[in-house]
């Protein structure tokens, strides 16, 4: 309601308008208070949440710091344990090293002991074998009497009483021509084209070698010898090429036997070379032992003629005999060859003329 105006008076506000204004202002203030209250509450709530989170973070940091401290302590303990373990490991490694060194010494000592034992066992076996060999040699020497060389099987082979083995200087002449490979012409032709080993093992040639060994075993100990093999030429074996060798010189005798065993029969037969060598020796031999299988096929000079007739071989034999020095007995051991019927008679006559001996041994001798 508007205030009434009188004459001569100022207008006055109506109470109702002021009330409205104050009510409006109060409403605004109330609204502001309400809004501000909500804002403050929300701020407090947010601050409270932040404080809570901060507290949680502080607690987490504290927990992590405690964990870190524990880990550091644990790490220090671990480092200490590792250091202790390294020290113990070093000590153990040193002990292991010393132990291994001791074991190595023991093993070496044990190995040396085993080797020593094996060497002693070997020495004992060798000594026992040597003792047995010496005993056997002693028995052989007792059985053989004055023999200078042992020959296996000789106990049943002493029936060659006509062979003269004496003399101060004995010359052995051994036929090493191709005919010594076999007793037949066909066998000789076949064998001379075979291998060296097969020719060396020829039965006839092995008989010649065994016969030579038997002769050495029965030569008087006081004798000296020379050994020569001949085919189209003549070759002295071992030391006999330079001097007369004492039959008691075992090494030189064995060397000559070894050299003969390696000789392969080949080429033709020149008896002239053999008897000419006997004539030029100085001093001359006082006994000749000839091992051959027949009459010669060549003279002192080589010939291009292929087949040699029986008549021509007899002529070559007589030419060879004419070269012999006088007064030296010739003892011939003949290993007969097929197709040479005159050989036995001529060599027998040579033995008679020189006061030597002649024999043709059986195939199982010696």
Foldseek 3Di string as FASTA:
>chain_A
DFADDDPPDDGDGDPVVVVVVVVVVVVVVVVVVVVVVVVVVVVVVVVVVVVVVVVVVVVVVVVVVVVVVVVVVVVVVVVVVVVVVVVVVVVVVVVVVVVVVVVVVVVVVVVVVVVVVVVVVVVVVVVVVVVVVVVVVVVQCVVLPQFQADAPPCVPVPPPVQADQEFQEEEEEEEQALLQLDQEPVSSVVPVPDDLVSQLPRLSLVQSLSVVRVSLRPHGQNHWYWYWYDFLAIDTFFPSVPHTHRSNPVVRVVRRSVVSSSRGHHHFHELLNVQLVQLPDVVHTQEYEYEEAAFGPDYNDDDPDDDDDLVRSVVSRVVSVVNHDALHAYEYEHAYHPPHVCGQVVVCVSNVVNVGYYDYDDSPHD
